[in-house]
């Protein structure tokens, strides 16, 4: 069984990575930290901050389907601002 990426998938990864590094990273600092903190606090108040983490780790404890629904709706807006919504990686729980 082969678990590696196909040549086309590798091209996709490299193309998107190059775009992010050249077009997104240089502008990240332009988002005011106060705005990011305000978004984070609102998400905490709504109970959706770190929604992919269990409640025992101070996350929202949503199921994978619930989390997918949240991500679907967040995808309707700018990822620059939804970053502050909080999405810790599940590997941190290991």
PDB file of N, CA and C in Angstrom:
ATOM      1  N   UNK A   1       0.839  -1.167   0.000  1.00  0.00           N
ATOM      2  CA  UNK A   1       0.000   0.000   0.000  1.00  0.00           C
ATOM      3  C   UNK A   1       0.895   1.245   0.000  1.00  0.00           C
ATOM      4  N   UNK A   2       0.598   2.191  -0.845  1.00  0.00           N
ATOM      5  CA  UNK A   2       1.394   3.410  -0.993  1.00  0.00           C
ATOM      6  C   UNK A   2       0.698   4.572  -0.279  1.00  0.00           C
ATOM      7  N   UNK A   3       1.394   5.202   0.676  1.00  0.00           N
ATOM      8  CA  UNK A   3       0.810   6.293   1.435  1.00  0.00           C
ATOM      9  C   UNK A   3       1.373   7.660   1.044  1.00  0.00           C
ATOM     10  N   UNK A   4       2.274   7.690   0.091  1.00  0.00           N
ATOM     11  CA  UNK A   4       2.869   8.945  -0.340  1.00  0.00           C
ATOM     12  C   UNK A   4       1.921   9.732  -1.239  1.00  0.00           C
ATOM     13  N   UNK A   5       2.297  10.969  -1.489  1.00  0.00           N
ATOM     14  CA  UNK A   5       1.503  11.820  -2.374  1.00  0.00           C
ATOM     15  C   UNK A   5       1.861  11.531  -3.824  1.00  0.00           C
ATOM     16  N   UNK A   6       0.874  11.708  -4.689  1.00  0.00           N
ATOM     17  CA  UNK A   6       1.140  11.559  -6.115  1.00  0.00           C
ATOM     18  C   UNK A   6       1.929  12.770  -6.598  1.00  0.00           C
ATOM     19  N   UNK A   7       2.463  12.701  -7.794  1.00  0.00           N
ATOM     20  CA  UNK A   7       3.212  13.830  -8.353  1.00  0.00           C
ATOM     21  C   UNK A   7       2.319  15.075  -8.444  1.00  0.00           C
ATOM     22  N   UNK A   8       1.083  14.877  -8.847  1.00  0.00           N
ATOM     23  CA  UNK A   8       0.148  16.004  -8.938  1.00  0.00           C
ATOM     24  C   UNK A   8      -0.125  16.608  -7.560  1.00  0.00           C
ATOM     25  N   UNK A   9      -0.278  15.765  -6.553  1.00  0.00           N
ATOM     26  CA  UNK A   9      -0.506  16.257  -5.188  1.00  0.00           C
ATOM     27  C   UNK A   9       0.708  17.017  -4.670  1.00  0.00           C
ATOM     28  N   UNK A  10       1.905  16.542  -4.990  1.00  0.00           N
ATOM     29  CA  UNK A  10       3.129  17.245  -4.596  1.00  0.00           C
ATOM     30  C   UNK A  10       3.174  18.629  -5.232  1.00  0.00           C
ATOM     31  N   UNK A  11       2.768  18.729  -6.499  1.00  0.00           N
ATOM     32  CA  UNK A  11       2.730  20.018  -7.186  1.00  0.00           C
ATOM     33  C   UNK A  11       1.730  20.948  -6.515  1.00  0.00           C
ATOM     34  N   UNK A  12       0.579  20.409  -6.125  1.00  0.00           N
ATOM     35  CA  UNK A  12      -0.428  21.209  -5.425  1.00  0.00           C
ATOM     36  C   UNK A  12       0.160  21.759  -4.134  1.00  0.00           C
ATOM     37  N   UNK A  13       0.784  20.891  -3.348  1.00  0.00           N
ATOM     38  CA  UNK A  13       1.368  21.302  -2.070  1.00  0.00           C
ATOM     39  C   UNK A  13       2.409  22.398  -2.285  1.00  0.00           C
ATOM     40  N   UNK A  14       3.314  22.184  -3.219  1.00  0.00           N
ATOM     41  CA  UNK A  14       4.381  23.163  -3.462  1.00  0.00           C
ATOM     42  C   UNK A  14       3.834  24.489  -3.983  1.00  0.00           C
ATOM     43  N   UNK A  15       2.821  24.440  -4.833  1.00  0.00           N
ATOM     44  CA  UNK A  15       2.233  25.661  -5.378  1.00  0.00           C
ATOM     45  C   UNK A  15       1.544  26.461  -4.287  1.00  0.00           C
ATOM     46  N   UNK A  16       0.733  25.786  -3.471  1.00  0.00           N
ATOM     47  CA  UNK A  16       0.026  26.486  -2.395  1.00  0.00           C
ATOM     48  C   UNK A  16       1.016  26.990  -1.354  1.00  0.00           C
ATOM     49  N   UNK A  17       1.999  26.183  -1.012  1.00  0.00           N
ATOM     50  CA  UNK A  17       3.014  26.607  -0.038  1.00  0.00           C
ATOM     51  C   UNK A  17       3.724  27.867  -0.522  1.00  0.00           C
ATOM     52  N   UNK A  18       4.109  27.888  -1.788  1.00  0.00           N
ATOM     53  CA  UNK A  18       4.781  29.054  -2.353  1.00  0.00           C
ATOM     54  C   UNK A  18       3.883  30.288  -2.295  1.00  0.00           C
ATOM     55  N   UNK A  19       2.602  30.112  -2.625  1.00  0.00           N
ATOM     56  CA  UNK A  19       1.647  31.220  -2.570  1.00  0.00           C
ATOM     57  C   UNK A  19       1.517  31.762  -1.150  1.00  0.00           C
ATOM     58  N   UNK A  20       1.340  30.864  -0.196  1.00  0.00           N
ATOM     59  CA  UNK A  20       1.180  31.279   1.202  1.00  0.00           C
ATOM     60  C   UNK A  20       2.421  32.020   1.687  1.00  0.00           C
ATOM     61  N   UNK A  21       3.595  31.484   1.379  1.00  0.00           N
ATOM     62  CA  UNK A  21       4.831  32.104   1.845  1.00  0.00           C
ATOM     63  C   UNK A  21       5.083  33.467   1.211  1.00  0.00           C
ATOM     64  N   UNK A  22       4.702  33.637  -0.053  1.00  0.00           N
ATOM     65  CA  UNK A  22       4.985  34.903  -0.726  1.00  0.00           C
ATOM     66  C   UNK A  22       3.852  35.919  -0.630  1.00  0.00           C
ATOM     67  N   UNK A  23       2.613  35.469  -0.530  1.00  0.00           N
ATOM     68  CA  UNK A  23       1.475  36.384  -0.587  1.00  0.00           C
ATOM     69  C   UNK A  23       0.707  36.546   0.726  1.00  0.00           C
ATOM     70  N   UNK A  24       0.801  35.578   1.619  1.00  0.00           N
ATOM     71  CA  UNK A  24       0.039  35.641   2.867  1.00  0.00           C
ATOM     72  C   UNK A  24       0.934  36.014   4.047  1.00  0.00           C
ATOM     73  N   UNK A  25       2.008  35.265   4.264  1.00  0.00           N
ATOM     74  CA  UNK A  25       2.878  35.513   5.412  1.00  0.00           C
ATOM     75  C   UNK A  25       3.299  36.973   5.549  1.00  0.00           C
ATOM     76  N   UNK A  26       3.683  37.648   4.462  1.00  0.00           N
ATOM     77  CA  UNK A  26       4.125  39.045   4.621  1.00  0.00           C
ATOM     78  C   UNK A  26       3.052  39.984   5.163  1.00  0.00           C
ATOM     79  N   UNK A  27       1.787  39.600   5.077  1.00  0.00           N
ATOM     80  CA  UNK A  27       0.702  40.485   5.495  1.00  0.00           C
ATOM     81  C   UNK A  27       0.090  40.113   6.841  1.00  0.00           C
ATOM     82  N   UNK A  28       0.528  39.003   7.419  1.00  0.00           N
ATOM     83  CA  UNK A  28      -0.072  38.555   8.674  1.00  0.00           C
ATOM     84  C   UNK A  28       0.080  39.577   9.794  1.00  0.00           C
ATOM     85  N   UNK A  29       1.190  40.261   9.824  1.00  0.00           N
ATOM     86  CA  UNK A  29       1.427  41.234  10.891  1.00  0.00           C
ATOM     87  C   UNK A  29       0.520  42.455  10.778  1.00  0.00           C
ATOM     88  N   UNK A  30      -0.133  42.619   9.630  1.00  0.00           N
ATOM     89  CA  UNK A  30      -1.013  43.771   9.430  1.00  0.00           C
ATOM     90  C   UNK A  30      -2.336  43.637  10.182  1.00  0.00           C
ATOM     91  N   UNK A  31      -2.676  42.436  10.601  1.00  0.00           N
ATOM     92  CA  UNK A  31      -3.909  42.236  11.373  1.00  0.00           C
ATOM     93  C   UNK A  31      -3.629  42.695  12.798  1.00  0.00           C
ATOM     94  N   UNK A  32      -4.348  43.711  13.266  1.00  0.00           N
ATOM     95  CA  UNK A  32      -4.092  44.210  14.627  1.00  0.00           C
ATOM     96  C   UNK A  32      -4.299  43.119  15.674  1.00  0.00           C
ATOM     97  N   UNK A  33      -3.351  43.000  16.582  1.00  0.00           N
ATOM     98  CA  UNK A  33      -3.437  41.988  17.632  1.00  0.00           C
ATOM     99  C   UNK A  33      -4.685  42.177  18.478  1.00  0.00           C
ATOM    100  N   UNK A  34      -5.081  43.424  18.702  1.00  0.00           N
ATOM    101  CA  UNK A  34      -6.281  43.692  19.500  1.00  0.00           C
ATOM    102  C   UNK A  34      -7.521  43.116  18.833  1.00  0.00           C
ATOM    103  N   UNK A  35      -7.585  43.182  17.501  1.00  0.00           N
ATOM    104  CA  UNK A  35      -8.717  42.600  16.782  1.00  0.00           C
ATOM    105  C   UNK A  35      -8.732  41.087  16.948  1.00  0.00           C
ATOM    106  N   UNK A  36      -7.556  40.472  16.811  1.00  0.00           N
ATOM    107  CA  UNK A  36      -7.464  39.026  16.993  1.00  0.00           C
ATOM    108  C   UNK A  36      -7.887  38.600  18.380  1.00  0.00           C
ATOM    109  N   UNK A  37      -7.473  39.339  19.384  1.00  0.00           N
ATOM    110  CA  UNK A  37      -7.840  39.010  20.768  1.00  0.00           C
ATOM    111  C   UNK A  37      -9.339  39.171  20.986  1.00  0.00           C
ATOM    112  N   UNK A  38      -9.936  40.200  20.375  1.00  0.00           N
ATOM    113  CA  UNK A  38     -11.386  40.410  20.500  1.00  0.00           C
ATOM    114  C   UNK A  38     -12.159  39.256  19.866  1.00  0.00           C
ATOM    115  N   UNK A  39     -11.698  38.792  18.710  1.00  0.00           N
ATOM    116  CA  UNK A  39     -12.343  37.648  18.054  1.00  0.00           C
ATOM    117  C   UNK A  39     -12.214  36.410  18.930  1.00  0.00           C
ATOM    118  N   UNK A  40     -11.038  36.195  19.479  1.00  0.00           N
ATOM    119  CA  UNK A  40     -10.815  35.038  20.361  1.00  0.00           C
ATOM    120  C   UNK A  40     -11.756  35.096  21.561  1.00  0.00           C
ATOM    121  N   UNK A  41     -11.880  36.242  22.192  1.00  0.00           N
ATOM    122  CA  UNK A  41     -12.743  36.382  23.370  1.00  0.00           C
ATOM    123  C   UNK A  41     -14.205  36.126  23.014  1.00  0.00           C
ATOM    124  N   UNK A  42     -14.631  36.593  21.854  1.00  0.00           N
ATOM    125  CA  UNK A  42     -16.003  36.333  21.412  1.00  0.00           C
ATOM    126  C   UNK A  42     -16.224  34.841  21.217  1.00  0.00           C
ATOM    127  N   UNK A  43     -15.253  34.158  20.596  1.00  0.00           N
ATOM    128  CA  UNK A  43     -15.357  32.715  20.387  1.00  0.00           C
ATOM    129  C   UNK A  43     -15.397  31.961  21.709  1.00  0.00           C
ATOM    130  N   UNK A  44     -14.596  32.415  22.663  1.00  0.00           N
ATOM    131  CA  UNK A  44     -14.640  31.810  24.001  1.00  0.00           C
ATOM    132  C   UNK A  44     -16.026  31.972  24.608  1.00  0.00           C
ATOM    133  N   UNK A  45     -16.600  33.162  24.464  1.00  0.00           N
ATOM    134  CA  UNK A  45     -17.931  33.422  25.009  1.00  0.00           C
ATOM    135  C   UNK A  45     -19.012  32.575  24.357  1.00  0.00           C
ATOM    136  N   UNK A  46     -18.836  32.302  23.064  1.00  0.00           N
ATOM    137  CA  UNK A  46     -19.805  31.471  22.343  1.00  0.00           C
ATOM    138  C   UNK A  46     -19.628  29.982  22.642  1.00  0.00           C
ATOM    139  N   UNK A  47     -18.479  29.630  23.217  1.00  0.00           N
ATOM    140  CA  UNK A  47     -18.206  28.225  23.522  1.00  0.00           C
ATOM    141  C   UNK A  47     -17.628  27.450  22.361  1.00  0.00           C
ATOM    142  N   UNK A  48     -17.088  28.150  21.373  1.00  0.00           N
ATOM    143  CA  UNK A  48     -16.547  27.476  20.202  1.00  0.00           C
ATOM    144  C   UNK A  48     -15.037  27.575  20.066  1.00  0.00           C
ATOM    145  N   UNK A  49     -14.362  28.225  21.000  1.00  0.00           N
ATOM    146  CA  UNK A  49     -12.908  28.313  20.881  1.00  0.00           C
ATOM    147  C   UNK A  49     -12.300  26.933  21.104  1.00  0.00           C
ATOM    148  N   UNK A  50     -11.361  26.565  20.280  1.00  0.00           N
ATOM    149  CA  UNK A  50     -10.704  25.251  20.346  1.00  0.00           C
ATOM    150  C   UNK A  50     -11.734  24.129  20.279  1.00  0.00           C
ATOM    151  N   UNK A  51     -12.644  24.259  19.323  1.00  0.00           N
ATOM    152  CA  UNK A  51     -13.762  23.321  19.256  1.00  0.00           C
ATOM    153  C   UNK A  51     -13.352  21.908  18.867  1.00  0.00           C
ATOM    154  N   UNK A  52     -12.129  21.730  18.380  1.00  0.00           N
ATOM    155  CA  UNK A  52     -11.689  20.380  18.048  1.00  0.00           C
ATOM    156  C   UNK A  52     -10.938  19.717  19.198  1.00  0.00           C
ATOM    157  N   UNK A  53     -10.959  20.343  20.358  1.00  0.00           N
ATOM    158  CA  UNK A  53     -10.322  19.766  21.547  1.00  0.00           C
ATOM    159  C   UNK A  53     -11.384  19.368  22.566  1.00  0.00           C
ATOM    160  N   UNK A  54     -11.106  18.346  23.363  1.00  0.00           N
ATOM    161  CA  UNK A  54     -12.090  17.910  24.365  1.00  0.00           C
ATOM    162  C   UNK A  54     -12.266  18.954  25.473  1.00  0.00           C
ATOM    163  N   UNK A  55     -13.392  18.894  26.125  1.00  0.00           N
ATOM    164  CA  UNK A  55     -13.681  19.823  27.224  1.00  0.00           C
ATOM    165  C   UNK A  55     -12.638  19.683  28.336  1.00  0.00           C
ATOM    166  N   UNK A  56     -12.105  18.474  28.526  1.00  0.00           N
ATOM    167  CA  UNK A  56     -11.102  18.257  29.571  1.00  0.00           C
ATOM    168  C   UNK A  56      -9.828  19.060  29.309  1.00  0.00           C
ATOM    169  N   UNK A  57      -9.626  19.483  28.065  1.00  0.00           N
ATOM    170  CA  UNK A  57      -8.466  20.303  27.701  1.00  0.00           C
ATOM    171  C   UNK A  57      -8.908  21.744  27.447  1.00  0.00           C
ATOM    172  N   UNK A  58     -10.050  22.119  28.000  1.00  0.00           N
ATOM    173  CA  UNK A  58     -10.625  23.460  27.888  1.00  0.00           C
ATOM    174  C   UNK A  58     -11.063  23.803  26.481  1.00  0.00           C
ATOM    175  N   UNK A  59     -11.387  22.779  25.695  1.00  0.00           N
ATOM    176  CA  UNK A  59     -11.918  22.991  24.351  1.00  0.00           C
ATOM    177  C   UNK A  59     -13.427  22.883  24.377  1.00  0.00           C
ATOM    178  N   UNK A  60     -14.030  22.998  23.213  1.00  0.00           N
ATOM    179  CA  UNK A  60     -15.492  22.933  23.116  1.00  0.00           C
ATOM    180  C   UNK A  60     -16.010  21.505  23.145  1.00  0.00           C
ATOM    181  N   UNK A  61     -15.152  20.529  22.824  1.00  0.00           N
ATOM    182  CA  UNK A  61     -15.557  19.128  22.887  1.00  0.00           C
ATOM    183  C   UNK A  61     -16.547  18.712  21.819  1.00  0.00           C
ATOM    184  N   UNK A  62     -16.482  19.334  20.652  1.00  0.00           N
ATOM    185  CA  UNK A  62     -17.416  18.982  19.577  1.00  0.00           C
ATOM    186  C   UNK A  62     -17.028  17.660  18.926  1.00  0.00           C
ATOM    187  N   UNK A  63     -18.002  16.993  18.345  1.00  0.00           N
ATOM    188  CA  UNK A  63     -17.723  15.777  17.575  1.00  0.00           C
ATOM    189  C   UNK A  63     -17.035  16.181  16.272  1.00  0.00           C
ATOM    190  N   UNK A  64     -16.515  15.219  15.552  1.00  0.00           N
ATOM    191  CA  UNK A  64     -15.860  15.514  14.271  1.00  0.00           C
ATOM    192  C   UNK A  64     -16.856  16.124  13.286  1.00  0.00           C
ATOM    193  N   UNK A  65     -18.086  15.640  13.287  1.00  0.00           N
ATOM    194  CA  UNK A  65     -19.098  16.211  12.401  1.00  0.00           C
ATOM    195  C   UNK A  65     -19.405  17.650  12.804  1.00  0.00           C
ATOM    196  N   UNK A  66     -19.575  17.892  14.104  1.00  0.00           N
ATOM    197  CA  UNK A  66     -19.822  19.252  14.580  1.00  0.00           C
ATOM    198  C   UNK A  66     -18.681  20.176  14.166  1.00  0.00           C
ATOM    199  N   UNK A  67     -17.448  19.700  14.348  1.00  0.00           N
ATOM    200  CA  UNK A  67     -16.278  20.488  13.994  1.00  0.00           C
ATOM    201  C   UNK A  67     -16.254  20.783  12.499  1.00  0.00           C
ATOM    202  N   UNK A  68     -16.623  19.790  11.692  1.00  0.00           N
ATOM    203  CA  UNK A  68     -16.679  19.983  10.242  1.00  0.00           C
ATOM    204  C   UNK A  68     -17.701  21.049   9.875  1.00  0.00           C
ATOM    205  N   UNK A  69     -18.825  21.063  10.567  1.00  0.00           N
ATOM    206  CA  UNK A  69     -19.842  22.081  10.304  1.00  0.00           C
ATOM    207  C   UNK A  69     -19.332  23.473  10.661  1.00  0.00           C
ATOM    208  N   UNK A  70     -18.617  23.573  11.775  1.00  0.00           N
ATOM    209  CA  UNK A  70     -18.016  24.854  12.166  1.00  0.00           C
ATOM    210  C   UNK A  70     -17.027  25.296  11.097  1.00  0.00           C
ATOM    211  N   UNK A  71     -16.159  24.387  10.672  1.00  0.00           N
ATOM    212  CA  UNK A  71     -15.167  24.715   9.653  1.00  0.00           C
ATOM    213  C   UNK A  71     -15.822  25.120   8.340  1.00  0.00           C
ATOM    214  N   UNK A  72     -16.909  24.466   7.987  1.00  0.00           N
ATOM    215  CA  UNK A  72     -17.611  24.816   6.754  1.00  0.00           C
ATOM    216  C   UNK A  72     -18.082  26.259   6.793  1.00  0.00           C
ATOM    217  N   UNK A  73     -18.639  26.656   7.916  1.00  0.00           N
ATOM    218  CA  UNK A  73     -19.131  28.031   8.028  1.00  0.00           C
ATOM    219  C   UNK A  73     -17.987  29.032   8.115  1.00  0.00           C
ATOM    220  N   UNK A  74     -16.905  28.665   8.812  1.00  0.00           N
ATOM    221  CA  UNK A  74     -15.742  29.552   8.876  1.00  0.00           C
ATOM    222  C   UNK A  74     -15.125  29.742   7.492  1.00  0.00           C
ATOM    223  N   UNK A  75     -15.227  28.726   6.664  1.00  0.00           N
ATOM    224  CA  UNK A  75     -14.681  28.793   5.312  1.00  0.00           C
ATOM    225  C   UNK A  75     -15.364  29.818   4.435  1.00  0.00           C
ATOM    226  N   UNK A  76     -16.471  30.349   4.901  1.00  0.00           N
ATOM    227  CA  UNK A  76     -17.196  31.371   4.144  1.00  0.00           C
ATOM    228  C   UNK A  76     -16.551  32.747   4.304  1.00  0.00           C
ATOM    229  N   UNK A  77     -15.560  32.849   5.182  1.00  0.00           N
ATOM    230  CA  UNK A  77     -14.933  34.147   5.429  1.00  0.00           C
ATOM    231  C   UNK A  77     -13.421  34.048   5.273  1.00  0.00           C
ATOM    232  N   UNK A  78     -12.747  35.110   5.615  1.00  0.00           N
ATOM    233  CA  UNK A  78     -11.298  35.183   5.475  1.00  0.00           C
ATOM    234  C   UNK A  78     -10.593  34.310   6.504  1.00  0.00           C
ATOM    235  N   UNK A  79      -9.700  33.473   6.043  1.00  0.00           N
ATOM    236  CA  UNK A  79      -8.941  32.627   6.964  1.00  0.00           C
ATOM    237  C   UNK A  79      -8.022  33.462   7.851  1.00  0.00           C
ATOM    238  N   UNK A  80      -7.694  34.662   7.409  1.00  0.00           N
ATOM    239  CA  UNK A  80      -6.828  35.525   8.216  1.00  0.00           C
ATOM    240  C   UNK A  80      -7.485  35.816   9.558  1.00  0.00           C
ATOM    241  N   UNK A  81      -8.781  36.051   9.548  1.00  0.00           N
ATOM    242  CA  UNK A  81      -9.474  36.383  10.788  1.00  0.00           C
ATOM    243  C   UNK A  81     -10.009  35.151  11.505  1.00  0.00           C
ATOM    244  N   UNK A  82     -10.357  34.103  10.786  1.00  0.00           N
ATOM    245  CA  UNK A  82     -10.864  32.905  11.459  1.00  0.00           C
ATOM    246  C   UNK A  82      -9.742  32.142  12.156  1.00  0.00           C
ATOM    247  N   UNK A  83      -8.510  32.488  11.867  1.00  0.00           N
ATOM    248  CA  UNK A  83      -7.365  31.894  12.577  1.00  0.00           C
ATOM    249  C   UNK A  83      -7.510  32.092  14.088  1.00  0.00           C
ATOM    250  N   UNK A  84      -8.061  33.213  14.492  1.00  0.00           N
ATOM    251  CA  UNK A  84      -8.203  33.527  15.908  1.00  0.00           C
ATOM    252  C   UNK A  84      -9.315  32.720  16.578  1.00  0.00           C
ATOM    253  N   UNK A  85     -10.047  31.956  15.788  1.00  0.00           N
ATOM    254  CA  UNK A  85     -11.117  31.116  16.313  1.00  0.00           C
ATOM    255  C   UNK A  85     -10.542  30.004  17.178  1.00  0.00           C
ATOM    256  N   UNK A  86      -9.322  29.602  16.895  1.00  0.00           N
ATOM    257  CA  UNK A  86      -8.637  28.598  17.706  1.00  0.00           C
ATOM    258  C   UNK A  86      -8.887  27.187  17.234  1.00  0.00           C
ATOM    259  N   UNK A  87      -7.851  26.568  16.718  1.00  0.00           N
ATOM    260  CA  UNK A  87      -7.926  25.189  16.253  1.00  0.00           C
ATOM    261  C   UNK A  87      -6.657  24.445  16.655  1.00  0.00           C
ATOM    262  N   UNK A  88      -6.507  24.132  17.918  1.00  0.00           N
ATOM    263  CA  UNK A  88      -5.308  23.375  18.320  1.00  0.00           C
ATOM    264  C   UNK A  88      -5.262  22.040  17.583  1.00  0.00           C
ATOM    265  N   UNK A  89      -4.086  21.594  17.292  1.00  0.00           N
ATOM    266  CA  UNK A  89      -3.927  20.325  16.613  1.00  0.00           C
ATOM    267  C   UNK A  89      -4.178  19.171  17.580  1.00  0.00           C
ATOM    268  N   UNK A  90      -4.872  18.164  17.105  1.00  0.00           N
ATOM    269  CA  UNK A  90      -5.177  16.997  17.930  1.00  0.00           C
ATOM    270  C   UNK A  90      -3.913  16.298  18.416  1.00  0.00           C
ATOM    271  N   UNK A  91      -2.805  16.455  17.697  1.00  0.00           N
ATOM    272  CA  UNK A  91      -1.556  15.812  18.101  1.00  0.00           C
ATOM    273  C   UNK A  91      -1.124  16.326  19.473  1.00  0.00           C
ATOM    274  N   UNK A  92      -1.539  17.534  19.833  1.00  0.00           N
ATOM    275  CA  UNK A  92      -1.180  18.083  21.136  1.00  0.00           C
ATOM    276  C   UNK A  92      -1.787  17.276  22.283  1.00  0.00           C
ATOM    277  N   UNK A  93      -2.850  16.538  21.999  1.00  0.00           N
ATOM    278  CA  UNK A  93      -3.504  15.733  23.029  1.00  0.00           C
ATOM    279  C   UNK A  93      -2.772  14.417  23.257  1.00  0.00           C
ATOM    280  N   UNK A  94      -1.871  14.052  22.350  1.00  0.00           N
ATOM    281  CA  UNK A  94      -1.168  12.763  22.452  1.00  0.00           C
ATOM    282  C   UNK A  94      -0.150  12.783  23.573  1.00  0.00           C
TER     283      UNK A  94
END
